[in-house]
Amino acid sequence: RFRHDGVFMEVLEQVGAVPLPPYIDREAEPEDRQRYQT
């Protein structure tokens, strides 16, 4: 259960990262939010 300020999905947009598959051996980069989006 999350405790947060504001709207959860908006907070998640700021704090969370794109979940890359385990076979990708690197950290998520800012441009991944768009590039891995359908």
PDB file of all heavy atoms in Angstrom:
ATOM      1  N   ARG A   1       0.863  -1.175   0.000  1.00  0.00           N
ATOM      2  CA  ARG A   1       0.000   0.000   0.000  1.00  0.00           C
ATOM      3  C   ARG A   1       0.900   1.226   0.000  1.00  0.00           C
ATOM      4  O   ARG A   1       1.801   1.352   0.818  1.00  0.00           O
ATOM      5  CB  ARG A   1      -0.923   0.021   1.215  1.00  0.00           C
ATOM      6  CG  ARG A   1      -1.880   1.214   1.169  1.00  0.00           C
ATOM      7  CD  ARG A   1      -3.111   1.026   2.007  1.00  0.00           C
ATOM      8  NE  ARG A   1      -3.776  -0.233   1.860  1.00  0.00           N
ATOM      9  CZ  ARG A   1      -4.729  -0.500   0.954  1.00  0.00           C
ATOM     10  NH1 ARG A   1      -5.086   0.424   0.085  1.00  0.00           N
ATOM     11  NH2 ARG A   1      -5.314  -1.675   0.930  1.00  0.00           N
ATOM     12  N   PHE A   2       0.631   2.119  -0.937  1.00  0.00           N
ATOM     13  CA  PHE A   2       1.451   3.326  -1.080  1.00  0.00           C
ATOM     14  C   PHE A   2       0.853   4.490  -0.309  1.00  0.00           C
ATOM     15  O   PHE A   2      -0.366   4.652  -0.254  1.00  0.00           O
ATOM     16  CB  PHE A   2       1.582   3.701  -2.559  1.00  0.00           C
ATOM     17  CG  PHE A   2       2.469   2.767  -3.314  1.00  0.00           C
ATOM     18  CD1 PHE A   2       1.938   1.707  -4.037  1.00  0.00           C
ATOM     19  CD2 PHE A   2       3.850   2.937  -3.292  1.00  0.00           C
ATOM     20  CE1 PHE A   2       2.763   0.832  -4.723  1.00  0.00           C
ATOM     21  CE2 PHE A   2       4.683   2.061  -3.983  1.00  0.00           C
ATOM     22  CZ  PHE A   2       4.135   1.008  -4.693  1.00  0.00           C
ATOM     23  N   ARG A   3       1.736   5.288   0.257  1.00  0.00           N
ATOM     24  CA  ARG A   3       1.395   6.586   0.816  1.00  0.00           C
ATOM     25  C   ARG A   3       2.150   7.601  -0.032  1.00  0.00           C
ATOM     26  O   ARG A   3       3.351   7.418  -0.304  1.00  0.00           O
ATOM     27  CB  ARG A   3       1.799   6.665   2.290  1.00  0.00           C
ATOM     28  CG  ARG A   3       0.944   5.760   3.168  1.00  0.00           C
ATOM     29  CD  ARG A   3       1.202   5.998   4.649  1.00  0.00           C
ATOM     30  NE  ARG A   3       2.439   5.407   5.110  1.00  0.00           N
ATOM     31  CZ  ARG A   3       2.545   4.185   5.629  1.00  0.00           C
ATOM     32  NH1 ARG A   3       1.478   3.409   5.733  1.00  0.00           N
ATOM     33  NH2 ARG A   3       3.702   3.732   6.047  1.00  0.00           N
ATOM     34  N   HIS A   4       1.450   8.661  -0.416  1.00  0.00           N
ATOM     35  CA  HIS A   4       2.056   9.591  -1.374  1.00  0.00           C
ATOM     36  C   HIS A   4       1.358  10.929  -1.310  1.00  0.00           C
ATOM     37  O   HIS A   4       0.250  11.053  -0.803  1.00  0.00           O
ATOM     38  CB  HIS A   4       1.970   9.017  -2.788  1.00  0.00           C
ATOM     39  CG  HIS A   4       0.583   8.585  -3.167  1.00  0.00           C
ATOM     40  ND1 HIS A   4      -0.351   9.447  -3.669  1.00  0.00           N
ATOM     41  CD2 HIS A   4      -0.037   7.380  -3.060  1.00  0.00           C
ATOM     42  CE1 HIS A   4      -1.477   8.791  -3.893  1.00  0.00           C
ATOM     43  NE2 HIS A   4      -1.317   7.527  -3.517  1.00  0.00           N
ATOM     44  N   ASP A   5       2.017  11.928  -1.864  1.00  0.00           N
ATOM     45  CA  ASP A   5       1.421  13.249  -2.058  1.00  0.00           C
ATOM     46  C   ASP A   5       0.791  13.262  -3.443  1.00  0.00           C
ATOM     47  O   ASP A   5       1.392  12.773  -4.395  1.00  0.00           O
ATOM     48  CB  ASP A   5       2.488  14.351  -1.996  1.00  0.00           C
ATOM     49  CG  ASP A   5       3.043  14.533  -0.589  1.00  0.00           C
ATOM     50  OD1 ASP A   5       2.328  14.203   0.372  1.00  0.00           O
ATOM     51  OD2 ASP A   5       4.181  15.017  -0.479  1.00  0.00           O
ATOM     52  N   GLY A   6      -0.395  13.816  -3.582  1.00  0.00           N
ATOM     53  CA  GLY A   6      -1.008  13.979  -4.894  1.00  0.00           C
ATOM     54  C   GLY A   6      -1.582  12.703  -5.477  1.00  0.00           C
ATOM     55  O   GLY A   6      -1.886  11.747  -4.768  1.00  0.00           O
ATOM     56  N   VAL A   7      -1.693  12.692  -6.798  1.00  0.00           N
ATOM     57  CA  VAL A   7      -2.266  11.571  -7.548  1.00  0.00           C
ATOM     58  C   VAL A   7      -1.176  10.514  -7.768  1.00  0.00           C
ATOM     59  O   VAL A   7      -0.085  10.836  -8.266  1.00  0.00           O
ATOM     60  CB  VAL A   7      -2.826  12.066  -8.909  1.00  0.00           C
ATOM     61  CG1 VAL A   7      -3.361  10.908  -9.731  1.00  0.00           C
ATOM     62  CG2 VAL A   7      -3.897  13.127  -8.681  1.00  0.00           C
ATOM     63  N   PHE A   8      -1.467   9.269  -7.410  1.00  0.00           N
ATOM     64  CA  PHE A   8      -0.448   8.216  -7.441  1.00  0.00           C
ATOM     65  C   PHE A   8       0.229   8.088  -8.804  1.00  0.00           C
ATOM     66  O   PHE A   8       1.470   8.040  -8.881  1.00  0.00           O
ATOM     67  CB  PHE A   8      -1.033   6.869  -7.019  1.00  0.00           C
ATOM     68  CG  PHE A   8      -0.017   5.766  -7.075  1.00  0.00           C
ATOM     69  CD1 PHE A   8       1.020   5.725  -6.153  1.00  0.00           C
ATOM     70  CD2 PHE A   8      -0.070   4.788  -8.056  1.00  0.00           C
ATOM     71  CE1 PHE A   8       1.985   4.724  -6.206  1.00  0.00           C
ATOM     72  CE2 PHE A   8       0.887   3.783  -8.111  1.00  0.00           C
ATOM     73  CZ  PHE A   8       1.915   3.756  -7.180  1.00  0.00           C
ATOM     74  N   MET A   9      -0.536   8.029  -9.885  1.00  0.00           N
ATOM     75  CA  MET A   9       0.074   7.825 -11.205  1.00  0.00           C
ATOM     76  C   MET A   9       0.964   9.010 -11.595  1.00  0.00           C
ATOM     77  O   MET A   9       1.971   8.827 -12.287  1.00  0.00           O
ATOM     78  CB  MET A   9      -0.988   7.558 -12.268  1.00  0.00           C
ATOM     79  CG  MET A   9      -1.712   6.232 -12.087  1.00  0.00           C
ATOM     80  SD  MET A   9      -0.628   4.791 -11.917  1.00  0.00           S
ATOM     81  CE  MET A   9      -0.069   4.606 -13.597  1.00  0.00           C
ATOM     82  N   GLU A  10       0.640  10.197 -11.143  1.00  0.00           N
ATOM     83  CA  GLU A  10       1.496  11.363 -11.420  1.00  0.00           C
ATOM     84  C   GLU A  10       2.798  11.278 -10.621  1.00  0.00           C
ATOM     85  O   GLU A  10       3.872  11.608 -11.133  1.00  0.00           O
ATOM     86  CB  GLU A  10       0.748  12.659 -11.116  1.00  0.00           C
ATOM     87  CG  GLU A  10      -0.391  12.923 -12.073  1.00  0.00           C
ATOM     88  CD  GLU A  10      -1.239  14.132 -11.690  1.00  0.00           C
ATOM     89  OE1 GLU A  10      -0.883  14.856 -10.733  1.00  0.00           O
ATOM     90  OE2 GLU A  10      -2.275  14.340 -12.361  1.00  0.00           O
ATOM     91  N   VAL A  11       2.709  10.816  -9.384  1.00  0.00           N
ATOM     92  CA  VAL A  11       3.909  10.622  -8.563  1.00  0.00           C
ATOM     93  C   VAL A  11       4.773   9.525  -9.185  1.00  0.00           C
ATOM     94  O   VAL A  11       5.994   9.660  -9.292  1.00  0.00           O
ATOM     95  CB  VAL A  11       3.535  10.278  -7.105  1.00  0.00           C
ATOM     96  CG1 VAL A  11       4.763   9.890  -6.292  1.00  0.00           C
ATOM     97  CG2 VAL A  11       2.793  11.436  -6.457  1.00  0.00           C
ATOM     98  N   LEU A  12       4.129   8.447  -9.631  1.00  0.00           N
ATOM     99  CA  LEU A  12       4.852   7.341 -10.261  1.00  0.00           C
ATOM    100  C   LEU A  12       5.603   7.815 -11.506  1.00  0.00           C
ATOM    101  O   LEU A  12       6.737   7.399 -11.751  1.00  0.00           O
ATOM    102  CB  LEU A  12       3.877   6.215 -10.609  1.00  0.00           C
ATOM    103  CG  LEU A  12       4.486   4.898 -11.045  1.00  0.00           C
ATOM    104  CD1 LEU A  12       5.360   4.308  -9.943  1.00  0.00           C
ATOM    105  CD2 LEU A  12       3.377   3.918 -11.426  1.00  0.00           C
ATOM    106  N   GLU A  13       4.992   8.700 -12.282  1.00  0.00           N
ATOM    107  CA  GLU A  13       5.664   9.254 -13.466  1.00  0.00           C
ATOM    108  C   GLU A  13       6.960   9.959 -13.095  1.00  0.00           C
ATOM    109  O   GLU A  13       7.930   9.918 -13.836  1.00  0.00           O
ATOM    110  CB  GLU A  13       4.747  10.233 -14.208  1.00  0.00           C
ATOM    111  CG  GLU A  13       3.672   9.593 -15.039  1.00  0.00           C
ATOM    112  CD  GLU A  13       4.207   8.836 -16.251  1.00  0.00           C
ATOM    113  OE1 GLU A  13       5.262   9.214 -16.807  1.00  0.00           O
ATOM    114  OE2 GLU A  13       3.559   7.853 -16.642  1.00  0.00           O
ATOM    115  N   GLN A  14       6.985  10.597 -11.939  1.00  0.00           N
ATOM    116  CA  GLN A  14       8.171  11.338 -11.504  1.00  0.00           C
ATOM    117  C   GLN A  14       9.223  10.443 -10.859  1.00  0.00           C
ATOM    118  O   GLN A  14      10.415  10.659 -11.030  1.00  0.00           O
ATOM    119  CB  GLN A  14       7.774  12.437 -10.512  1.00  0.00           C
ATOM    120  CG  GLN A  14       6.915  13.526 -11.114  1.00  0.00           C
ATOM    121  CD  GLN A  14       6.534  14.547 -10.066  1.00  0.00           C
ATOM    122  OE1 GLN A  14       7.398  15.077  -9.382  1.00  0.00           O
ATOM    123  NE2 GLN A  14       5.245  14.802  -9.924  1.00  0.00           N
ATOM    124  N   VAL A  15       8.781   9.449 -10.113  1.00  0.00           N
ATOM    125  CA  VAL A  15       9.698   8.654  -9.290  1.00  0.00           C
ATOM    126  C   VAL A  15      10.096   7.340  -9.966  1.00  0.00           C
ATOM    127  O   VAL A  15      11.230   6.879  -9.812  1.00  0.00           O
ATOM    128  CB  VAL A  15       9.065   8.376  -7.910  1.00  0.00           C
ATOM    129  CG1 VAL A  15       9.956   7.501  -7.051  1.00  0.00           C
ATOM    130  CG2 VAL A  15       8.739   9.681  -7.204  1.00  0.00           C
ATOM    131  N   GLY A  16       9.184   6.736 -10.720  1.00  0.00           N
ATOM    132  CA  GLY A  16       9.418   5.416 -11.285  1.00  0.00           C
ATOM    133  C   GLY A  16      10.283   5.429 -12.537  1.00  0.00           C
ATOM    134  O   GLY A  16      10.541   6.468 -13.135  1.00  0.00           O
ATOM    135  N   ALA A  17      10.725   4.237 -12.920  1.00  0.00           N
ATOM    136  CA  ALA A  17      11.519   4.042 -14.139  1.00  0.00           C
ATOM    137  C   ALA A  17      10.837   2.998 -15.014  1.00  0.00           C
ATOM    138  O   ALA A  17      10.059   2.166 -14.531  1.00  0.00           O
ATOM    139  CB  ALA A  17      12.929   3.584 -13.787  1.00  0.00           C
ATOM    140  N   VAL A  18      11.136   3.019 -16.290  1.00  0.00           N
ATOM    141  CA  VAL A  18      10.615   2.026 -17.223  1.00  0.00           C
ATOM    142  C   VAL A  18      11.214   0.670 -16.859  1.00  0.00           C
ATOM    143  O   VAL A  18      12.431   0.564 -16.678  1.00  0.00           O
ATOM    144  CB  VAL A  18      10.991   2.393 -18.675  1.00  0.00           C
ATOM    145  CG1 VAL A  18      10.619   1.282 -19.632  1.00  0.00           C
ATOM    146  CG2 VAL A  18      10.322   3.695 -19.076  1.00  0.00           C
ATOM    147  N   PRO A  19      10.394  -0.361 -16.731  1.00  0.00           N
ATOM    148  CA  PRO A  19      10.931  -1.684 -16.414  1.00  0.00           C
ATOM    149  C   PRO A  19      11.479  -2.347 -17.680  1.00  0.00           C
ATOM    150  O   PRO A  19      10.729  -2.724 -18.575  1.00  0.00           O
ATOM    151  CB  PRO A  19       9.710  -2.434 -15.881  1.00  0.00           C
ATOM    152  CG  PRO A  19       8.546  -1.774 -16.532  1.00  0.00           C
ATOM    153  CD  PRO A  19       8.938  -0.337 -16.758  1.00  0.00           C
ATOM    154  N   LEU A  20      12.787  -2.444 -17.776  1.00  0.00           N
ATOM    155  CA  LEU A  20      13.404  -3.104 -18.927  1.00  0.00           C
ATOM    156  C   LEU A  20      13.449  -4.605 -18.680  1.00  0.00           C
ATOM    157  O   LEU A  20      13.591  -5.048 -17.539  1.00  0.00           O
ATOM    158  CB  LEU A  20      14.817  -2.572 -19.154  1.00  0.00           C
ATOM    159  CG  LEU A  20      14.928  -1.091 -19.496  1.00  0.00           C
ATOM    160  CD1 LEU A  20      16.396  -0.707 -19.690  1.00  0.00           C
ATOM    161  CD2 LEU A  20      14.122  -0.743 -20.738  1.00  0.00           C
ATOM    162  N   PRO A  21      13.344  -5.403 -19.738  1.00  0.00           N
ATOM    163  CA  PRO A  21      13.416  -6.863 -19.568  1.00  0.00           C
ATOM    164  C   PRO A  21      14.772  -7.279 -18.992  1.00  0.00           C
ATOM    165  O   PRO A  21      15.775  -6.578 -19.185  1.00  0.00           O
ATOM    166  CB  PRO A  21      13.257  -7.396 -20.999  1.00  0.00           C
ATOM    167  CG  PRO A  21      12.688  -6.279 -21.787  1.00  0.00           C
ATOM    168  CD  PRO A  21      13.128  -5.011 -21.132  1.00  0.00           C
ATOM    169  N   PRO A  22      14.814  -8.424 -18.308  1.00  0.00           N
ATOM    170  CA  PRO A  22      16.064  -8.847 -17.660  1.00  0.00           C
ATOM    171  C   PRO A  22      17.212  -9.128 -18.631  1.00  0.00           C
ATOM    172  O   PRO A  22      18.364  -9.116 -18.230  1.00  0.00           O
ATOM    173  CB  PRO A  22      15.666 -10.111 -16.897  1.00  0.00           C
ATOM    174  CG  PRO A  22      14.374 -10.538 -17.453  1.00  0.00           C
ATOM    175  CD  PRO A  22      13.711  -9.337 -18.057  1.00  0.00           C
ATOM    176  N   TYR A  23      16.919  -9.373 -19.893  1.00  0.00           N
ATOM    177  CA  TYR A  23      17.996  -9.641 -20.854  1.00  0.00           C
ATOM    178  C   TYR A  23      18.638  -8.358 -21.379  1.00  0.00           C
ATOM    179  O   TYR A  23      19.621  -8.405 -22.097  1.00  0.00           O
ATOM    180  CB  TYR A  23      17.494 -10.493 -22.029  1.00  0.00           C
ATOM    181  CG  TYR A  23      16.257  -9.956 -22.711  1.00  0.00           C
ATOM    182  CD1 TYR A  23      16.335  -8.964 -23.678  1.00  0.00           C
ATOM    183  CD2 TYR A  23      15.009 -10.462 -22.387  1.00  0.00           C
ATOM    184  CE1 TYR A  23      15.207  -8.470 -24.294  1.00  0.00           C
ATOM    185  CE2 TYR A  23      13.869  -9.977 -23.003  1.00  0.00           C
ATOM    186  CZ  TYR A  23      13.979  -8.987 -23.955  1.00  0.00           C
ATOM    187  OH  TYR A  23      12.850  -8.499 -24.569  1.00  0.00           O
ATOM    188  N   ILE A  24      18.114  -7.208 -21.014  1.00  0.00           N
ATOM    189  CA  ILE A  24      18.746  -5.941 -21.367  1.00  0.00           C
ATOM    190  C   ILE A  24      19.646  -5.563 -20.199  1.00  0.00           C
ATOM    191  O   ILE A  24      19.176  -5.327 -19.090  1.00  0.00           O
ATOM    192  CB  ILE A  24      17.706  -4.850 -21.677  1.00  0.00           C
ATOM    193  CG1 ILE A  24      16.936  -5.258 -22.937  1.00  0.00           C
ATOM    194  CG2 ILE A  24      18.389  -3.495 -21.856  1.00  0.00           C
ATOM    195  CD1 ILE A  24      15.906  -4.264 -23.383  1.00  0.00           C
ATOM    196  N   ASP A  25      20.935  -5.542 -20.465  1.00  0.00           N
ATOM    197  CA  ASP A  25      21.943  -5.400 -19.421  1.00  0.00           C
ATOM    198  C   ASP A  25      22.393  -3.942 -19.277  1.00  0.00           C
ATOM    199  O   ASP A  25      23.549  -3.610 -19.535  1.00  0.00           O
ATOM    200  CB  ASP A  25      23.130  -6.305 -19.747  1.00  0.00           C
ATOM    201  CG  ASP A  25      24.098  -6.424 -18.592  1.00  0.00           C
ATOM    202  OD1 ASP A  25      23.668  -6.229 -17.442  1.00  0.00           O
ATOM    203  OD2 ASP A  25      25.290  -6.696 -18.846  1.00  0.00           O
ATOM    204  N   ARG A  26      21.435  -3.092 -18.908  1.00  0.00           N
ATOM    205  CA  ARG A  26      21.745  -1.681 -18.676  1.00  0.00           C
ATOM    206  C   ARG A  26      20.601  -1.076 -17.878  1.00  0.00           C
ATOM    207  O   ARG A  26      19.522  -1.665 -17.771  1.00  0.00           O
ATOM    208  CB  ARG A  26      21.947  -0.920 -19.988  1.00  0.00           C
ATOM    209  CG  ARG A  26      20.681  -0.836 -20.842  1.00  0.00           C
ATOM    210  CD  ARG A  26      20.925  -0.019 -22.107  1.00  0.00           C
ATOM    211  NE  ARG A  26      19.753   0.033 -22.938  1.00  0.00           N
ATOM    212  CZ  ARG A  26      18.727   0.870 -22.790  1.00  0.00           C
ATOM    213  NH1 ARG A  26      18.725   1.744 -21.810  1.00  0.00           N
ATOM    214  NH2 ARG A  26      17.698   0.848 -23.616  1.00  0.00           N
ATOM    215  N   GLU A  27      20.848   0.098 -17.340  1.00  0.00           N
ATOM    216  CA  GLU A  27      19.813   0.836 -16.621  1.00  0.00           C
ATOM    217  C   GLU A  27      18.923   1.570 -17.626  1.00  0.00           C
ATOM    218  O   GLU A  27      19.380   1.930 -18.718  1.00  0.00           O
ATOM    219  CB  GLU A  27      20.443   1.839 -15.657  1.00  0.00           C
ATOM    220  CG  GLU A  27      21.187   1.187 -14.509  1.00  0.00           C
ATOM    221  CD  GLU A  27      20.282   0.343 -13.628  1.00  0.00           C
ATOM    222  OE1 GLU A  27      19.152   0.779 -13.333  1.00  0.00           O
ATOM    223  OE2 GLU A  27      20.709  -0.758 -13.239  1.00  0.00           O
ATOM    224  N   ALA A  28      17.683   1.809 -17.248  1.00  0.00           N
ATOM    225  CA  ALA A  28      16.772   2.568 -18.101  1.00  0.00           C
ATOM    226  C   ALA A  28      17.295   3.989 -18.269  1.00  0.00           C
ATOM    227  O   ALA A  28      17.850   4.574 -17.345  1.00  0.00           O
ATOM    228  CB  ALA A  28      15.374   2.590 -17.489  1.00  0.00           C
ATOM    229  N   GLU A  29      17.128   4.526 -19.460  1.00  0.00           N
ATOM    230  CA  GLU A  29      17.541   5.887 -19.791  1.00  0.00           C
ATOM    231  C   GLU A  29      16.288   6.717 -20.032  1.00  0.00           C
ATOM    232  O   GLU A  29      15.229   6.171 -20.349  1.00  0.00           O
ATOM    233  CB  GLU A  29      18.433   5.858 -21.031  1.00  0.00           C
ATOM    234  CG  GLU A  29      19.693   5.032 -20.807  1.00  0.00           C
ATOM    235  CD  GLU A  29      20.426   4.681 -22.107  1.00  0.00           C
ATOM    236  OE1 GLU A  29      19.921   4.994 -23.214  1.00  0.00           O
ATOM    237  OE2 GLU A  29      21.500   4.063 -22.005  1.00  0.00           O
ATOM    238  N   PRO A  30      16.369   8.043 -19.883  1.00  0.00           N
ATOM    239  CA  PRO A  30      15.167   8.882 -20.044  1.00  0.00           C
ATOM    240  C   PRO A  30      14.433   8.651 -21.367  1.00  0.00           C
ATOM    241  O   PRO A  30      13.199   8.612 -21.396  1.00  0.00           O
ATOM    242  CB  PRO A  30      15.710  10.309 -19.956  1.00  0.00           C
ATOM    243  CG  PRO A  30      16.946  10.183 -19.130  1.00  0.00           C
ATOM    244  CD  PRO A  30      17.532   8.842 -19.482  1.00  0.00           C
ATOM    245  N   GLU A  31      15.151   8.467 -22.460  1.00  0.00           N
ATOM    246  CA  GLU A  31      14.495   8.276 -23.756  1.00  0.00           C
ATOM    247  C   GLU A  31      13.772   6.929 -23.875  1.00  0.00           C
ATOM    248  O   GLU A  31      12.938   6.741 -24.758  1.00  0.00           O
ATOM    249  CB  GLU A  31      15.485   8.450 -24.911  1.00  0.00           C
ATOM    250  CG  GLU A  31      16.667   7.524 -24.887  1.00  0.00           C
ATOM    251  CD  GLU A  31      17.870   8.060 -24.117  1.00  0.00           C
ATOM    252  OE1 GLU A  31      17.748   9.040 -23.356  1.00  0.00           O
ATOM    253  OE2 GLU A  31      18.944   7.477 -24.270  1.00  0.00           O
ATOM    254  N   ASP A  32      14.064   5.992 -22.973  1.00  0.00           N
ATOM    255  CA  ASP A  32      13.385   4.698 -23.006  1.00  0.00           C
ATOM    256  C   ASP A  32      11.885   4.829 -22.769  1.00  0.00           C
ATOM    257  O   ASP A  32      11.103   4.005 -23.238  1.00  0.00           O
ATOM    258  CB  ASP A  32      13.981   3.740 -21.970  1.00  0.00           C
ATOM    259  CG  ASP A  32      15.373   3.268 -22.339  1.00  0.00           C
ATOM    260  OD1 ASP A  32      15.705   3.265 -23.543  1.00  0.00           O
ATOM    261  OD2 ASP A  32      16.132   2.906 -21.431  1.00  0.00           O
ATOM    262  N   ARG A  33      11.473   5.860 -22.043  1.00  0.00           N
ATOM    263  CA  ARG A  33      10.035   6.040 -21.779  1.00  0.00           C
ATOM    264  C   ARG A  33       9.246   6.145 -23.078  1.00  0.00           C
ATOM    265  O   ARG A  33       8.120   5.669 -23.153  1.00  0.00           O
ATOM    266  CB  ARG A  33       9.789   7.275 -20.919  1.00  0.00           C
ATOM    267  CG  ARG A  33      10.170   7.053 -19.479  1.00  0.00           C
ATOM    268  CD  ARG A  33       9.735   8.212 -18.620  1.00  0.00           C
ATOM    269  NE  ARG A  33      10.202   7.994 -17.272  1.00  0.00           N
ATOM    270  CZ  ARG A  33       9.447   8.139 -16.212  1.00  0.00           C
ATOM    271  NH1 ARG A  33       8.193   8.509 -16.335  1.00  0.00           N
ATOM    272  NH2 ARG A  33       9.938   7.923 -15.018  1.00  0.00           N
ATOM    273  N   GLN A  34       9.814   6.765 -24.081  1.00  0.00           N
ATOM    274  CA  GLN A  34       9.129   6.882 -25.378  1.00  0.00           C
ATOM    275  C   GLN A  34       9.477   5.720 -26.295  1.00  0.00           C
ATOM    276  O   GLN A  34       8.618   5.200 -26.991  1.00  0.00           O
ATOM    277  CB  GLN A  34       9.492   8.203 -26.057  1.00  0.00           C
ATOM    278  CG  GLN A  34       8.828   9.401 -25.416  1.00  0.00           C
ATOM    279  CD  GLN A  34       7.312   9.275 -25.418  1.00  0.00           C
ATOM    280  OE1 GLN A  34       6.715   9.000 -24.396  1.00  0.00           O
ATOM    281  NE2 GLN A  34       6.689   9.468 -26.546  1.00  0.00           N
ATOM    282  N   ARG A  35      10.730   5.310 -26.318  1.00  0.00           N
ATOM    283  CA  ARG A  35      11.188   4.312 -27.282  1.00  0.00           C
ATOM    284  C   ARG A  35      10.595   2.928 -27.019  1.00  0.00           C
ATOM    285  O   ARG A  35      10.431   2.148 -27.943  1.00  0.00           O
ATOM    286  CB  ARG A  35      12.721   4.244 -27.283  1.00  0.00           C
ATOM    287  CG  ARG A  35      13.371   5.531 -27.745  1.00  0.00           C
ATOM    288  CD  ARG A  35      12.941   5.951 -29.160  1.00  0.00           C
ATOM    289  NE  ARG A  35      13.376   4.958 -30.106  1.00  0.00           N
ATOM    290  CZ  ARG A  35      12.629   4.501 -31.100  1.00  0.00           C
ATOM    291  NH1 ARG A  35      11.417   4.945 -31.298  1.00  0.00           N
ATOM    292  NH2 ARG A  35      13.095   3.594 -31.905  1.00  0.00           N
ATOM    293  N   TYR A  36      10.301   2.594 -25.762  1.00  0.00           N
ATOM    294  CA  TYR A  36       9.718   1.291 -25.457  1.00  0.00           C
ATOM    295  C   TYR A  36       8.197   1.369 -25.331  1.00  0.00           C
ATOM    296  O   TYR A  36       7.571   0.450 -24.853  1.00  0.00           O
ATOM    297  CB  TYR A  36      10.336   0.699 -24.185  1.00  0.00           C
ATOM    298  CG  TYR A  36      11.709   0.123 -24.446  1.00  0.00           C
ATOM    299  CD1 TYR A  36      12.848   0.794 -24.033  1.00  0.00           C
ATOM    300  CD2 TYR A  36      11.864  -1.078 -25.125  1.00  0.00           C
ATOM    301  CE1 TYR A  36      14.110   0.285 -24.284  1.00  0.00           C
ATOM    302  CE2 TYR A  36      13.116  -1.595 -25.380  1.00  0.00           C
ATOM    303  CZ  TYR A  36      14.241  -0.914 -24.958  1.00  0.00           C
ATOM    304  OH  TYR A  36      15.491  -1.437 -25.214  1.00  0.00           O
ATOM    305  N   GLN A  37       7.630   2.464 -25.765  1.00  0.00           N
ATOM    306  CA  GLN A  37       6.184   2.669 -25.691  1.00  0.00           C
ATOM    307  C   GLN A  37       5.568   2.348 -27.043  1.00  0.00           C
ATOM    308  O   GLN A  37       6.067   2.801 -28.068  1.00  0.00           O
ATOM    309  CB  GLN A  37       5.921   4.138 -25.338  1.00  0.00           C
ATOM    310  CG  GLN A  37       4.551   4.436 -24.822  1.00  0.00           C
ATOM    311  CD  GLN A  37       4.309   3.777 -23.496  1.00  0.00           C
ATOM    312  OE1 GLN A  37       3.686   2.736 -23.473  1.00  0.00           O
ATOM    313  NE2 GLN A  37       4.775   4.347 -22.416  1.00  0.00           N
ATOM    314  N   THR A  38       4.490   1.586 -27.062  1.00  0.00           N
ATOM    315  CA  THR A  38       3.809   1.326 -28.327  1.00  0.00           C
ATOM    316  C   THR A  38       3.129   2.609 -28.814  1.00  0.00           C
ATOM    317  O   THR A  38       2.602   3.383 -28.010  1.00  0.00           O
ATOM    318  CB  THR A  38       2.775   0.185 -28.206  1.00  0.00           C
ATOM    319  OG1 THR A  38       2.082   0.045 -29.459  1.00  0.00           O
ATOM    320  CG2 THR A  38       1.749   0.456 -27.123  1.00  0.00           C
TER     321      THR A  38
END
